[in-house]
Every structure is written in structure tokens, then in C-alpha cells.
Amino acid sequence: MKVAHLAAALLTGAMLAATPVKADEAGKLVTVLTAPEPQTQLMAMVLTMQSIQQKAKAQILLCGPAGDLALKDAPASATAPQKPKDMSPQGLMKKIIGTGAKVEVCAIYLPNKGASADVLIDGVGVAKPQDMAASLLAEDTRILSF
């Protein structure tokens, strides 16, 4: 009898362990993008959007050359359509902003560019290091870095 109870308990435990995580439990995603290459920038946006579509709460931090994606007067590399869906890194980022995701440039981007926040597209802010650190360290956060 004890063996039957033990077997049932082990079977129940195995079934619970094998239960997939539901999409509504996707957690948080922070995408840190510094790469200058347009394909890498677009792929970062593609994976972030896919995560949002799978119910993750997403946040993007743009630093260095990737900060240029946030400019109203962005370089052609940020706005040029890429195959296969003719989407640009900035274009997809704008769609991500439209989902309610937080998009920010790093705190040192604008000062080192000699610019103020008025050069940024609508929906992009400037990250506060203490808030970003808290987001990165949160228990249920996954980090993508490009």
C-alpha cells in the first residue's frame, strides 16, 4: 500500500513539474541594445515584440550607437526597411512603444551627444540608473543583450 501511495505521489509530482508555464506568466523582459548593426537592432526588436505577444512585460534600454534609434532625426540605418517584412528597427520599436512597453535611452547617451530629450521620438524617455538597475535585478526578469 505504501508503494502505491509513493508511486502516486511521484507521478503527481512528475506531472506538475512537466506542466508548461502559461503565456500569462511570461514575466518581465529587459532588452539592452547597444549594437550598431541594423540587422542586430531589428532582431532585438523582433524578439522583444514576440515576447510582448507572449504576454511578457517588456522594457528596452538603448545605449551607445543603438540610442540613435530613438532620435527624431534618426540615421537611415535605423529607418531603412529590411527583409523579409520591410520593417526598420525604429519602425518596429515604435510599434513596441504602442503596446505600452517602456523604451529609454541610457542616462549618458544624450549628454554625450550634446543633446536634450527633445531630440527623442514620442514615447522614449531617459533611463534613471537606479530604476534600470532595479528592473535588471528583479527576480522574474529575463535580460536580452545585443
C-alpha atoms as a PDB file:
ATOM      1  CA  MET A   1       0.000   0.000   0.000  1.00  0.00           C
ATOM      2  CA  LYS A   2       2.806   2.399   0.865  1.00  0.00           C
ATOM      3  CA  VAL A   3       4.419   1.709  -2.506  1.00  0.00           C
ATOM      4  CA  ALA A   4       1.169   2.623  -4.279  1.00  0.00           C
ATOM      5  CA  HIS A   5       0.953   5.939  -2.402  1.00  0.00           C
ATOM      6  CA  LEU A   6       4.594   6.690  -3.128  1.00  0.00           C
ATOM      7  CA  ALA A   7       4.129   5.880  -6.810  1.00  0.00           C
ATOM      8  CA  ALA A   8       1.044   8.107  -6.996  1.00  0.00           C
ATOM      9  CA  ALA A   9       2.897  10.948  -5.270  1.00  0.00           C
ATOM     10  CA  LEU A  10       5.869  10.608  -7.623  1.00  0.00           C
ATOM     11  CA  LEU A  11       3.590  10.516 -10.665  1.00  0.00           C
ATOM     12  CA  THR A  12       1.725  13.619  -9.480  1.00  0.00           C
ATOM     13  CA  GLY A  13       4.999  15.426  -8.833  1.00  0.00           C
ATOM     14  CA  ALA A  14       6.320  14.499 -12.270  1.00  0.00           C
ATOM     15  CA  MET A  15       3.142  15.751 -13.927  1.00  0.00           C
ATOM     16  CA  LEU A  16       3.318  19.066 -12.080  1.00  0.00           C
ATOM     17  CA  ALA A  17       6.981  19.512 -12.998  1.00  0.00           C
ATOM     18  CA  ALA A  18       6.168  18.866 -16.653  1.00  0.00           C
ATOM     19  CA  THR A  19       3.327  21.398 -16.740  1.00  0.00           C
ATOM     20  CA  PRO A  20       4.321  24.176 -19.167  1.00  0.00           C
ATOM     21  CA  VAL A  21       4.398  27.769 -17.999  1.00  0.00           C
ATOM     22  CA  LYS A  22       1.338  29.592 -19.251  1.00  0.00           C
ATOM     23  CA  ALA A  23       1.775  32.602 -21.531  1.00  0.00           C
ATOM     24  CA  ASP A  24       0.148  34.853 -18.936  1.00  0.00           C
ATOM     25  CA  GLU A  25       3.062  34.014 -16.633  1.00  0.00           C
ATOM     26  CA  ALA A  26       5.761  35.196 -19.053  1.00  0.00           C
ATOM     27  CA  GLY A  27       7.235  37.676 -16.579  1.00  0.00           C
ATOM     28  CA  LYS A  28       9.330  40.672 -17.491  1.00  0.00           C
ATOM     29  CA  LEU A  29      11.877  41.222 -20.228  1.00  0.00           C
ATOM     30  CA  VAL A  30      14.553  43.891 -20.376  1.00  0.00           C
ATOM     31  CA  THR A  31      16.221  44.248 -23.762  1.00  0.00           C
ATOM     32  CA  VAL A  32      19.553  46.068 -23.604  1.00  0.00           C
ATOM     33  CA  LEU A  33      20.582  47.175 -27.079  1.00  0.00           C
ATOM     34  CA  THR A  34      23.971  48.723 -27.870  1.00  0.00           C
ATOM     35  CA  ALA A  35      24.800  47.136 -31.220  1.00  0.00           C
ATOM     36  CA  PRO A  36      25.286  49.471 -34.186  1.00  0.00           C
ATOM     37  CA  GLU A  37      24.300  46.940 -36.872  1.00  0.00           C
ATOM     38  CA  PRO A  38      20.776  47.444 -38.275  1.00  0.00           C
ATOM     39  CA  GLN A  39      20.115  43.689 -38.554  1.00  0.00           C
ATOM     40  CA  THR A  40      21.047  43.143 -34.922  1.00  0.00           C
ATOM     41  CA  GLN A  41      18.910  46.116 -33.890  1.00  0.00           C
ATOM     42  CA  LEU A  42      15.931  44.791 -35.831  1.00  0.00           C
ATOM     43  CA  MET A  43      16.333  41.283 -34.420  1.00  0.00           C
ATOM     44  CA  ALA A  44      16.377  42.724 -30.892  1.00  0.00           C
ATOM     45  CA  MET A  45      13.071  44.441 -31.683  1.00  0.00           C
ATOM     46  CA  VAL A  46      11.617  41.300 -33.280  1.00  0.00           C
ATOM     47  CA  LEU A  47      12.391  39.179 -30.211  1.00  0.00           C
ATOM     48  CA  THR A  48      11.089  41.874 -27.871  1.00  0.00           C
ATOM     49  CA  MET A  49       7.827  42.127 -29.837  1.00  0.00           C
ATOM     50  CA  GLN A  50       7.469  38.335 -29.876  1.00  0.00           C
ATOM     51  CA  SER A  51       7.913  38.339 -26.099  1.00  0.00           C
ATOM     52  CA  ILE A  52       5.221  41.006 -25.733  1.00  0.00           C
ATOM     53  CA  GLN A  53       2.899  38.916 -27.884  1.00  0.00           C
ATOM     54  CA  GLN A  54       3.543  36.042 -25.479  1.00  0.00           C
ATOM     55  CA  LYS A  55       2.426  38.273 -22.586  1.00  0.00           C
ATOM     56  CA  ALA A  56       5.809  39.452 -21.278  1.00  0.00           C
ATOM     57  CA  LYS A  57       6.055  42.958 -19.868  1.00  0.00           C
ATOM     58  CA  ALA A  58       8.892  44.453 -21.904  1.00  0.00           C
ATOM     59  CA  GLN A  59      11.312  47.294 -21.386  1.00  0.00           C
ATOM     60  CA  ILE A  60      14.083  48.424 -23.758  1.00  0.00           C
ATOM     61  CA  LEU A  61      17.294  50.254 -22.882  1.00  0.00           C
ATOM     62  CA  LEU A  62      19.153  51.849 -25.805  1.00  0.00           C
ATOM     63  CA  CYS A  63      22.801  52.769 -25.291  1.00  0.00           C
ATOM     64  CA  GLY A  64      25.666  53.918 -27.487  1.00  0.00           C
ATOM     65  CA  PRO A  65      25.012  53.626 -31.226  1.00  0.00           C
ATOM     66  CA  ALA A  66      21.643  51.961 -30.611  1.00  0.00           C
ATOM     67  CA  GLY A  67      20.463  55.148 -28.915  1.00  0.00           C
ATOM     68  CA  ASP A  68      20.222  56.653 -32.395  1.00  0.00           C
ATOM     69  CA  LEU A  69      17.081  54.546 -32.933  1.00  0.00           C
ATOM     70  CA  ALA A  70      15.309  56.915 -30.556  1.00  0.00           C
ATOM     71  CA  LEU A  71      16.130  60.086 -32.482  1.00  0.00           C
ATOM     72  CA  LYS A  72      13.511  62.051 -34.388  1.00  0.00           C
ATOM     73  CA  ASP A  73      16.240  62.622 -36.965  1.00  0.00           C
ATOM     74  CA  ALA A  74      17.491  59.044 -36.912  1.00  0.00           C
ATOM     75  CA  PRO A  75      20.130  57.798 -39.356  1.00  0.00           C
ATOM     76  CA  ALA A  76      18.994  55.899 -42.442  1.00  0.00           C
ATOM     77  CA  SER A  77      20.261  52.655 -40.910  1.00  0.00           C
ATOM     78  CA  ALA A  78      17.558  52.973 -38.223  1.00  0.00           C
ATOM     79  CA  THR A  79      14.732  53.736 -40.632  1.00  0.00           C
ATOM     80  CA  ALA A  80      15.572  51.695 -43.743  1.00  0.00           C
ATOM     81  CA  PRO A  81      13.255  48.724 -44.310  1.00  0.00           C
ATOM     82  CA  GLN A  82      14.797  45.273 -44.036  1.00  0.00           C
ATOM     83  CA  LYS A  83      13.735  41.941 -45.458  1.00  0.00           C
ATOM     84  CA  PRO A  84      11.691  39.865 -45.161  1.00  0.00           C
ATOM     85  CA  LYS A  85       8.891  42.130 -43.857  1.00  0.00           C
ATOM     86  CA  ASP A  86      10.228  45.547 -44.883  1.00  0.00           C
ATOM     87  CA  MET A  87      10.389  46.679 -41.271  1.00  0.00           C
ATOM     88  CA  SER A  88      13.009  49.025 -39.871  1.00  0.00           C
ATOM     89  CA  PRO A  89      14.456  48.885 -36.355  1.00  0.00           C
ATOM     90  CA  GLN A  90      12.898  52.246 -35.472  1.00  0.00           C
ATOM     91  CA  GLY A  91       9.579  51.328 -37.099  1.00  0.00           C
ATOM     92  CA  LEU A  92       9.227  48.161 -35.039  1.00  0.00           C
ATOM     93  CA  MET A  93      10.397  49.991 -31.926  1.00  0.00           C
ATOM     94  CA  LYS A  94       7.559  52.483 -32.437  1.00  0.00           C
ATOM     95  CA  LYS A  95       5.105  49.566 -32.606  1.00  0.00           C
ATOM     96  CA  ILE A  96       6.581  48.219 -29.375  1.00  0.00           C
ATOM     97  CA  ILE A  97       6.075  51.638 -27.765  1.00  0.00           C
ATOM     98  CA  GLY A  98       2.475  51.458 -28.975  1.00  0.00           C
ATOM     99  CA  THR A  99       1.972  48.301 -26.885  1.00  0.00           C
ATOM    100  CA  GLY A 100       2.819  50.267 -23.745  1.00  0.00           C
ATOM    101  CA  ALA A 101       6.364  48.981 -23.370  1.00  0.00           C
ATOM    102  CA  LYS A 102       8.874  51.326 -21.770  1.00  0.00           C
ATOM    103  CA  VAL A 103      11.695  52.441 -24.069  1.00  0.00           C
ATOM    104  CA  GLU A 104      14.550  54.564 -22.767  1.00  0.00           C
ATOM    105  CA  VAL A 105      17.979  55.767 -23.774  1.00  0.00           C
ATOM    106  CA  CYS A 106      20.710  55.292 -21.208  1.00  0.00           C
ATOM    107  CA  ALA A 107      21.375  58.190 -18.876  1.00  0.00           C
ATOM    108  CA  ILE A 108      24.695  59.079 -20.515  1.00  0.00           C
ATOM    109  CA  TYR A 109      23.502  58.936 -24.147  1.00  0.00           C
ATOM    110  CA  LEU A 110      22.102  62.471 -24.520  1.00  0.00           C
ATOM    111  CA  PRO A 111      24.806  64.309 -22.514  1.00  0.00           C
ATOM    112  CA  ASN A 112      27.491  62.678 -24.636  1.00  0.00           C
ATOM    113  CA  LYS A 113      25.593  63.531 -27.799  1.00  0.00           C
ATOM    114  CA  GLY A 114      25.307  67.149 -26.648  1.00  0.00           C
ATOM    115  CA  ALA A 115      21.529  66.962 -26.933  1.00  0.00           C
ATOM    116  CA  SER A 116      18.437  67.181 -24.762  1.00  0.00           C
ATOM    117  CA  ALA A 117      15.376  64.939 -24.546  1.00  0.00           C
ATOM    118  CA  ASP A 118      13.522  66.987 -27.163  1.00  0.00           C
ATOM    119  CA  VAL A 119      15.501  65.155 -29.908  1.00  0.00           C
ATOM    120  CA  LEU A 120      13.823  61.850 -28.938  1.00  0.00           C
ATOM    121  CA  ILE A 121      10.745  60.428 -30.625  1.00  0.00           C
ATOM    122  CA  ASP A 122       7.499  60.357 -28.674  1.00  0.00           C
ATOM    123  CA  GLY A 123       7.369  57.545 -26.149  1.00  0.00           C
ATOM    124  CA  VAL A 124      11.109  57.358 -25.461  1.00  0.00           C
ATOM    125  CA  GLY A 125      12.458  58.581 -22.140  1.00  0.00           C
ATOM    126  CA  VAL A 126      15.780  58.771 -20.369  1.00  0.00           C
ATOM    127  CA  ALA A 127      16.594  55.911 -18.020  1.00  0.00           C
ATOM    128  CA  LYS A 128      17.361  56.544 -14.373  1.00  0.00           C
ATOM    129  CA  PRO A 129      20.241  54.248 -13.399  1.00  0.00           C
ATOM    130  CA  GLN A 130      18.681  53.250 -10.059  1.00  0.00           C
ATOM    131  CA  ASP A 131      15.379  52.320 -11.713  1.00  0.00           C
ATOM    132  CA  MET A 132      17.085  50.406 -14.513  1.00  0.00           C
ATOM    133  CA  ALA A 133      19.237  48.513 -12.023  1.00  0.00           C
ATOM    134  CA  ALA A 134      16.093  47.547 -10.120  1.00  0.00           C
ATOM    135  CA  SER A 135      14.496  46.287 -13.340  1.00  0.00           C
ATOM    136  CA  LEU A 136      17.568  44.260 -14.239  1.00  0.00           C
ATOM    137  CA  LEU A 137      17.771  42.703 -10.772  1.00  0.00           C
ATOM    138  CA  ALA A 138      14.071  41.876 -10.392  1.00  0.00           C
ATOM    139  CA  GLU A 139      13.530  38.194  -9.695  1.00  0.00           C
ATOM    140  CA  ASP A 140      11.152  37.485 -12.575  1.00  0.00           C
ATOM    141  CA  THR A 141      13.122  39.432 -15.216  1.00  0.00           C
ATOM    142  CA  ARG A 142      14.888  37.983 -18.217  1.00  0.00           C
ATOM    143  CA  ILE A 143      17.542  40.056 -19.930  1.00  0.00           C
ATOM    144  CA  LEU A 144      18.329  40.109 -23.628  1.00  0.00           C
ATOM    145  CA  SER A 145      21.519  41.924 -24.526  1.00  0.00           C
ATOM    146  CA  PHE A 146      22.554  42.842 -28.042  1.00  0.00           C
END
